[in-house]
Amino acid sequence: MANALQQLIRERLDRKGWSYGDVARRGGIPRSTVHHLATADRLVRMPQPATLEGLSKGLELSLDTVRRAAAEACGIHVYGPAADSADSAGGTARPADPEVDLLIASVQKLSADDRRHVAALVESLLDRSPNEK
């Protein structure tokens, strides 16, 4: 059974009559990368942001759509858009941030010890003074 990214790429290629090379040229990424993403049964890790951006451009799909399919292909569950939640200050909806969704989903796959390390890193980053950024 094809994973979410394979299905997305295959459906788009079939609908538009494109080849891997067509997508690669439009997206500015190697044809071999498009082929690998379209044929790998399960991705071992998330593709680099530049690869996802190129694939998004090459497939003429939103980056969020491609990022979510890639995350699912890696076995990472990305929760629904953050826009569903209300800001505590004024009750207005926050815009979705796919990178935050991906980080949350990825951290949940870590061991308890590794999560403590990530939490310590985040705390240290938040404690930095504005001059250090």
N, C-alpha and C. Protein backbone atom coordinates (compact mmCIF):
# COMPACT_ATOMS: atom_id res chain seq x y z
N MET A 1 0.84 -1.18 0.00
CA MET A 1 0.00 0.00 0.00
C MET A 1 0.88 1.25 0.00
N ALA A 2 0.57 2.19 -0.85
CA ALA A 2 1.37 3.41 -0.98
C ALA A 2 1.18 4.32 0.22
N ASN A 3 2.26 5.03 0.60
CA ASN A 3 2.14 5.97 1.70
C ASN A 3 1.53 7.29 1.18
N ALA A 4 1.27 8.21 2.08
CA ALA A 4 0.56 9.45 1.74
C ALA A 4 1.32 10.28 0.70
N LEU A 5 2.64 10.35 0.82
CA LEU A 5 3.41 11.15 -0.14
C LEU A 5 3.43 10.48 -1.51
N GLN A 6 3.59 9.17 -1.53
CA GLN A 6 3.53 8.44 -2.80
C GLN A 6 2.18 8.68 -3.48
N GLN A 7 1.11 8.57 -2.73
CA GLN A 7 -0.23 8.77 -3.29
C GLN A 7 -0.39 10.19 -3.84
N LEU A 8 0.09 11.16 -3.09
CA LEU A 8 -0.02 12.55 -3.51
C LEU A 8 0.72 12.79 -4.83
N ILE A 9 1.96 12.30 -4.89
CA ILE A 9 2.77 12.49 -6.09
C ILE A 9 2.15 11.75 -7.27
N ARG A 10 1.79 10.49 -7.07
CA ARG A 10 1.23 9.68 -8.16
C ARG A 10 -0.06 10.30 -8.70
N GLU A 11 -0.93 10.73 -7.79
CA GLU A 11 -2.19 11.34 -8.21
C GLU A 11 -1.94 12.60 -9.04
N ARG A 12 -0.99 13.39 -8.60
CA ARG A 12 -0.69 14.64 -9.32
C ARG A 12 -0.07 14.35 -10.69
N LEU A 13 0.84 13.39 -10.75
CA LEU A 13 1.46 13.03 -12.03
C LEU A 13 0.41 12.50 -12.99
N ASP A 14 -0.46 11.64 -12.50
CA ASP A 14 -1.51 11.07 -13.36
C ASP A 14 -2.47 12.15 -13.86
N ARG A 15 -2.88 13.04 -12.95
CA ARG A 15 -3.85 14.07 -13.31
C ARG A 15 -3.29 15.07 -14.33
N LYS A 16 -2.01 15.42 -14.16
CA LYS A 16 -1.40 16.43 -15.03
C LYS A 16 -0.65 15.84 -16.21
N GLY A 17 -0.41 14.53 -16.19
CA GLY A 17 0.35 13.90 -17.26
C GLY A 17 1.84 14.24 -17.19
N TRP A 18 2.33 14.49 -15.99
CA TRP A 18 3.73 14.87 -15.79
C TRP A 18 4.60 13.65 -15.52
N SER A 19 5.91 13.86 -15.69
CA SER A 19 6.92 12.86 -15.34
C SER A 19 7.66 13.34 -14.09
N TYR A 20 8.49 12.47 -13.52
CA TYR A 20 9.32 12.89 -12.40
C TYR A 20 10.20 14.07 -12.82
N GLY A 21 10.73 13.99 -14.04
CA GLY A 21 11.58 15.06 -14.55
C GLY A 21 10.85 16.39 -14.65
N ASP A 22 9.59 16.36 -15.07
CA ASP A 22 8.79 17.60 -15.16
C ASP A 22 8.67 18.25 -13.78
N VAL A 23 8.36 17.45 -12.78
CA VAL A 23 8.20 17.97 -11.42
C VAL A 23 9.54 18.50 -10.92
N ALA A 24 10.60 17.77 -11.18
CA ALA A 24 11.93 18.18 -10.73
C ALA A 24 12.35 19.51 -11.36
N ARG A 25 12.13 19.66 -12.65
CA ARG A 25 12.51 20.92 -13.32
C ARG A 25 11.73 22.10 -12.75
N ARG A 26 10.43 21.92 -12.60
CA ARG A 26 9.59 23.01 -12.08
C ARG A 26 9.96 23.37 -10.64
N GLY A 27 10.33 22.36 -9.86
CA GLY A 27 10.63 22.59 -8.46
C GLY A 27 12.09 22.88 -8.16
N GLY A 28 12.96 22.72 -9.15
CA GLY A 28 14.38 22.98 -8.93
C GLY A 28 15.05 21.97 -8.01
N ILE A 29 14.58 20.72 -8.07
CA ILE A 29 15.17 19.65 -7.27
C ILE A 29 15.57 18.51 -8.20
N PRO A 30 16.48 17.63 -7.77
CA PRO A 30 16.91 16.53 -8.63
C PRO A 30 15.77 15.56 -8.96
N ARG A 31 15.81 15.04 -10.17
CA ARG A 31 14.82 14.05 -10.58
C ARG A 31 14.89 12.83 -9.68
N SER A 32 16.11 12.45 -9.29
CA SER A 32 16.28 11.28 -8.42
C SER A 32 15.58 11.48 -7.07
N THR A 33 15.53 12.71 -6.60
CA THR A 33 14.84 13.00 -5.34
C THR A 33 13.34 12.79 -5.50
N VAL A 34 12.78 13.31 -6.60
CA VAL A 34 11.35 13.13 -6.86
C VAL A 34 11.04 11.64 -6.98
N HIS A 35 11.88 10.92 -7.72
CA HIS A 35 11.67 9.47 -7.90
C HIS A 35 11.72 8.76 -6.55
N HIS A 36 12.72 9.08 -5.73
CA HIS A 36 12.84 8.43 -4.43
C HIS A 36 11.60 8.69 -3.57
N LEU A 37 11.17 9.94 -3.50
CA LEU A 37 10.00 10.28 -2.68
C LEU A 37 8.73 9.62 -3.20
N ALA A 38 8.66 9.42 -4.50
CA ALA A 38 7.47 8.81 -5.10
C ALA A 38 7.46 7.29 -4.99
N THR A 39 8.62 6.69 -4.72
CA THR A 39 8.68 5.23 -4.72
C THR A 39 9.07 4.61 -3.39
N ALA A 40 9.59 5.39 -2.45
CA ALA A 40 10.00 4.85 -1.15
C ALA A 40 8.77 4.44 -0.35
N ASP A 41 8.75 3.20 0.11
CA ASP A 41 7.59 2.72 0.87
C ASP A 41 7.39 3.49 2.16
N ARG A 42 8.49 3.79 2.85
CA ARG A 42 8.41 4.57 4.08
C ARG A 42 9.65 5.43 4.16
N LEU A 43 9.45 6.70 4.40
CA LEU A 43 10.59 7.59 4.54
C LEU A 43 11.18 7.41 5.93
N VAL A 44 12.51 7.37 5.99
CA VAL A 44 13.20 7.19 7.26
C VAL A 44 13.19 8.49 8.06
N ARG A 45 13.28 9.62 7.37
CA ARG A 45 13.24 10.93 8.02
C ARG A 45 12.56 11.93 7.12
N MET A 46 12.16 13.03 7.71
CA MET A 46 11.50 14.08 6.93
C MET A 46 12.48 14.65 5.91
N PRO A 47 12.01 14.89 4.69
CA PRO A 47 12.86 15.57 3.72
C PRO A 47 13.20 16.98 4.21
N GLN A 48 14.30 17.49 3.73
CA GLN A 48 14.73 18.84 4.09
C GLN A 48 13.68 19.86 3.65
N PRO A 49 13.57 20.99 4.37
CA PRO A 49 12.60 22.02 3.99
C PRO A 49 12.72 22.46 2.52
N ALA A 50 13.94 22.60 2.03
CA ALA A 50 14.13 23.02 0.63
C ALA A 50 13.58 21.96 -0.34
N THR A 51 13.71 20.69 0.02
CA THR A 51 13.18 19.62 -0.81
C THR A 51 11.65 19.68 -0.83
N LEU A 52 11.05 19.88 0.34
CA LEU A 52 9.60 19.98 0.41
C LEU A 52 9.09 21.20 -0.36
N GLU A 53 9.81 22.30 -0.26
CA GLU A 53 9.42 23.51 -1.01
C GLU A 53 9.51 23.27 -2.51
N GLY A 54 10.60 22.61 -2.95
CA GLY A 54 10.75 22.31 -4.36
C GLY A 54 9.68 21.35 -4.86
N LEU A 55 9.38 20.34 -4.06
CA LEU A 55 8.34 19.38 -4.44
C LEU A 55 6.98 20.08 -4.51
N SER A 56 6.72 20.95 -3.56
CA SER A 56 5.48 21.72 -3.56
C SER A 56 5.35 22.56 -4.83
N LYS A 57 6.43 23.24 -5.17
CA LYS A 57 6.43 24.07 -6.37
C LYS A 57 6.29 23.21 -7.63
N GLY A 58 7.03 22.11 -7.66
CA GLY A 58 6.99 21.23 -8.82
C GLY A 58 5.65 20.56 -9.03
N LEU A 59 4.96 20.24 -7.94
CA LEU A 59 3.65 19.61 -8.03
C LEU A 59 2.51 20.62 -8.12
N GLU A 60 2.86 21.89 -7.91
CA GLU A 60 1.87 22.97 -7.88
C GLU A 60 0.81 22.70 -6.81
N LEU A 61 1.31 22.37 -5.61
CA LEU A 61 0.47 22.15 -4.44
C LEU A 61 1.00 23.00 -3.30
N SER A 62 0.17 23.24 -2.30
CA SER A 62 0.62 24.04 -1.17
C SER A 62 1.71 23.31 -0.40
N LEU A 63 2.59 24.08 0.19
CA LEU A 63 3.67 23.50 0.99
C LEU A 63 3.08 22.71 2.16
N ASP A 64 2.01 23.20 2.76
CA ASP A 64 1.39 22.51 3.88
C ASP A 64 0.89 21.13 3.47
N THR A 65 0.30 21.02 2.29
CA THR A 65 -0.19 19.73 1.79
C THR A 65 0.96 18.74 1.62
N VAL A 66 2.04 19.19 1.03
CA VAL A 66 3.20 18.32 0.80
C VAL A 66 3.87 17.96 2.12
N ARG A 67 4.02 18.92 3.02
CA ARG A 67 4.64 18.68 4.32
C ARG A 67 3.84 17.66 5.13
N ARG A 68 2.54 17.79 5.13
CA ARG A 68 1.71 16.84 5.89
C ARG A 68 1.81 15.42 5.31
N ALA A 69 1.81 15.31 3.99
CA ALA A 69 1.93 13.99 3.36
C ALA A 69 3.30 13.38 3.67
N ALA A 70 4.34 14.19 3.65
CA ALA A 70 5.69 13.69 3.96
C ALA A 70 5.77 13.24 5.42
N ALA A 71 5.19 14.02 6.31
CA ALA A 71 5.19 13.65 7.73
C ALA A 71 4.49 12.32 7.93
N GLU A 72 3.35 12.15 7.30
CA GLU A 72 2.60 10.90 7.43
C GLU A 72 3.41 9.74 6.86
N ALA A 73 4.12 9.97 5.76
CA ALA A 73 4.95 8.93 5.17
C ALA A 73 6.09 8.52 6.09
N CYS A 74 6.49 9.43 6.99
CA CYS A 74 7.54 9.13 7.97
C CYS A 74 6.97 8.51 9.24
N GLY A 75 5.66 8.39 9.30
CA GLY A 75 5.04 7.84 10.49
C GLY A 75 4.80 8.87 11.57
N ILE A 76 4.80 10.15 11.19
CA ILE A 76 4.56 11.23 12.14
C ILE A 76 3.15 11.73 11.94
N HIS A 77 2.39 11.74 13.04
CA HIS A 77 1.03 12.26 12.95
C HIS A 77 1.08 13.76 13.17
N VAL A 78 0.59 14.52 12.21
CA VAL A 78 0.52 15.98 12.34
C VAL A 78 -0.90 16.32 12.69
N TYR A 79 -1.05 16.98 13.83
CA TYR A 79 -2.39 17.32 14.30
C TYR A 79 -3.01 18.38 13.43
N GLY A 80 -4.33 18.52 13.55
CA GLY A 80 -5.09 19.49 12.77
C GLY A 80 -4.56 20.89 12.94
N PRO A 81 -5.03 21.81 12.11
CA PRO A 81 -4.51 23.17 12.12
C PRO A 81 -4.70 23.85 13.47
N ALA A 82 -3.69 24.65 13.83
CA ALA A 82 -3.74 25.40 15.08
C ALA A 82 -4.81 26.47 15.04
N ALA A 83 -5.35 26.76 13.88
CA ALA A 83 -6.39 27.78 13.75
C ALA A 83 -7.65 27.38 14.49
N ASP A 84 -7.78 26.11 14.83
CA ASP A 84 -8.95 25.65 15.57
C ASP A 84 -8.93 26.13 17.02
N SER A 85 -7.73 26.46 17.50
CA SER A 85 -7.64 26.86 18.89
C SER A 85 -7.69 28.37 19.00
N ALA A 86 -8.27 28.82 20.09
CA ALA A 86 -8.43 30.26 20.29
C ALA A 86 -7.28 30.80 21.11
N ASP A 87 -6.85 32.00 20.79
CA ASP A 87 -5.83 32.70 21.54
C ASP A 87 -6.40 33.04 22.91
N SER A 88 -5.65 32.78 23.97
CA SER A 88 -6.19 32.99 25.31
C SER A 88 -6.45 34.45 25.62
N ALA A 89 -5.74 35.36 24.98
CA ALA A 89 -5.91 36.77 25.28
C ALA A 89 -7.21 37.33 24.74
N GLY A 90 -7.50 37.07 23.48
CA GLY A 90 -8.66 37.71 22.90
C GLY A 90 -9.67 36.79 22.28
N GLY A 91 -9.44 35.50 22.33
CA GLY A 91 -10.39 34.57 21.76
C GLY A 91 -10.36 34.49 20.25
N THR A 92 -9.33 35.06 19.62
CA THR A 92 -9.22 35.00 18.16
C THR A 92 -8.42 33.78 17.75
N ALA A 93 -8.70 33.27 16.59
CA ALA A 93 -8.01 32.07 16.10
C ALA A 93 -6.59 32.40 15.69
N ARG A 94 -5.66 31.49 16.03
CA ARG A 94 -4.27 31.65 15.62
C ARG A 94 -4.10 30.99 14.26
N PRO A 95 -3.23 31.54 13.40
CA PRO A 95 -2.98 30.89 12.12
C PRO A 95 -2.24 29.57 12.33
N ALA A 96 -2.47 28.62 11.47
CA ALA A 96 -1.80 27.32 11.56
C ALA A 96 -0.31 27.49 11.32
N ASP A 97 0.49 26.74 12.04
CA ASP A 97 1.94 26.74 11.85
C ASP A 97 2.38 25.29 11.69
N PRO A 98 2.55 24.84 10.44
CA PRO A 98 2.89 23.43 10.20
C PRO A 98 4.19 23.00 10.87
N GLU A 99 5.15 23.92 11.01
CA GLU A 99 6.41 23.55 11.65
C GLU A 99 6.20 23.21 13.12
N VAL A 100 5.32 23.96 13.80
CA VAL A 100 5.01 23.66 15.19
C VAL A 100 4.31 22.31 15.29
N ASP A 101 3.35 22.07 14.40
CA ASP A 101 2.66 20.77 14.39
C ASP A 101 3.66 19.63 14.21
N LEU A 102 4.59 19.81 13.29
CA LEU A 102 5.57 18.77 13.01
C LEU A 102 6.49 18.56 14.20
N LEU A 103 6.92 19.64 14.85
CA LEU A 103 7.78 19.51 16.02
C LEU A 103 7.06 18.77 17.14
N ILE A 104 5.83 19.12 17.40
CA ILE A 104 5.06 18.45 18.45
C ILE A 104 4.94 16.96 18.16
N ALA A 105 4.58 16.65 16.93
CA ALA A 105 4.41 15.24 16.57
C ALA A 105 5.74 14.49 16.64
N SER A 106 6.82 15.13 16.26
CA SER A 106 8.13 14.47 16.29
C SER A 106 8.61 14.22 17.71
N VAL A 107 8.42 15.19 18.58
CA VAL A 107 8.86 15.05 19.96
C VAL A 107 8.15 13.89 20.64
N GLN A 108 6.90 13.67 20.30
CA GLN A 108 6.15 12.58 20.92
C GLN A 108 6.72 11.21 20.58
N LYS A 109 7.51 11.13 19.53
CA LYS A 109 8.10 9.85 19.15
C LYS A 109 9.42 9.57 19.87
N LEU A 110 9.95 10.57 20.61
CA LEU A 110 11.21 10.41 21.32
C LEU A 110 11.02 9.65 22.62
N SER A 111 12.12 9.10 23.10
CA SER A 111 12.08 8.45 24.41
C SER A 111 11.90 9.52 25.48
N ALA A 112 11.52 9.10 26.67
CA ALA A 112 11.32 10.05 27.78
C ALA A 112 12.61 10.80 28.07
N ASP A 113 13.73 10.12 28.04
CA ASP A 113 15.02 10.76 28.30
C ASP A 113 15.33 11.81 27.23
N ASP A 114 15.10 11.47 25.96
CA ASP A 114 15.35 12.42 24.87
C ASP A 114 14.40 13.61 24.95
N ARG A 115 13.15 13.39 25.36
CA ARG A 115 12.21 14.51 25.52
C ARG A 115 12.70 15.48 26.59
N ARG A 116 13.31 14.95 27.67
CA ARG A 116 13.86 15.83 28.71
C ARG A 116 14.98 16.68 28.15
N HIS A 117 15.82 16.11 27.28
CA HIS A 117 16.89 16.88 26.65
C HIS A 117 16.32 17.98 25.76
N VAL A 118 15.29 17.65 24.99
CA VAL A 118 14.65 18.64 24.12
C VAL A 118 14.03 19.74 24.96
N ALA A 119 13.36 19.37 26.04
CA ALA A 119 12.74 20.37 26.91
C ALA A 119 13.81 21.31 27.48
N ALA A 120 14.94 20.77 27.88
CA ALA A 120 16.02 21.60 28.42
C ALA A 120 16.55 22.55 27.35
N LEU A 121 16.68 22.06 26.13
CA LEU A 121 17.15 22.91 25.04
C LEU A 121 16.16 24.05 24.78
N VAL A 122 14.88 23.72 24.74
CA VAL A 122 13.87 24.74 24.49
C VAL A 122 13.89 25.78 25.61
N GLU A 123 13.98 25.32 26.85
CA GLU A 123 14.04 26.26 27.98
C GLU A 123 15.25 27.17 27.86
N SER A 124 16.39 26.63 27.48
CA SER A 124 17.59 27.47 27.36
C SER A 124 17.44 28.46 26.21
N LEU A 125 16.80 28.06 25.13
CA LEU A 125 16.58 28.99 24.02
C LEU A 125 15.62 30.10 24.41
N LEU A 126 14.59 29.77 25.16
CA LEU A 126 13.62 30.78 25.60
C LEU A 126 14.23 31.74 26.62
N ASP A 127 15.21 31.28 27.39
CA ASP A 127 15.83 32.12 28.41
C ASP A 127 16.90 33.05 27.85
N ARG A 128 17.29 32.88 26.60
CA ARG A 128 18.30 33.76 26.01
C ARG A 128 17.80 35.19 25.98
N SER A 129 18.71 36.10 26.19
CA SER A 129 18.32 37.52 26.10
C SER A 129 18.20 37.87 24.62
N PRO A 130 17.42 38.92 24.29
CA PRO A 130 17.24 39.32 22.89
C PRO A 130 18.55 39.61 22.17
N ASN A 131 19.58 40.04 22.89
CA ASN A 131 20.88 40.37 22.27
C ASN A 131 21.60 39.11 21.78
N GLU A 132 21.28 37.96 22.34
CA GLU A 132 21.96 36.71 21.98
C GLU A 132 21.38 36.06 20.74
N LYS A 133 20.23 36.47 20.29
CA LYS A 133 19.55 35.81 19.16
C LYS A 133 20.17 36.17 17.85
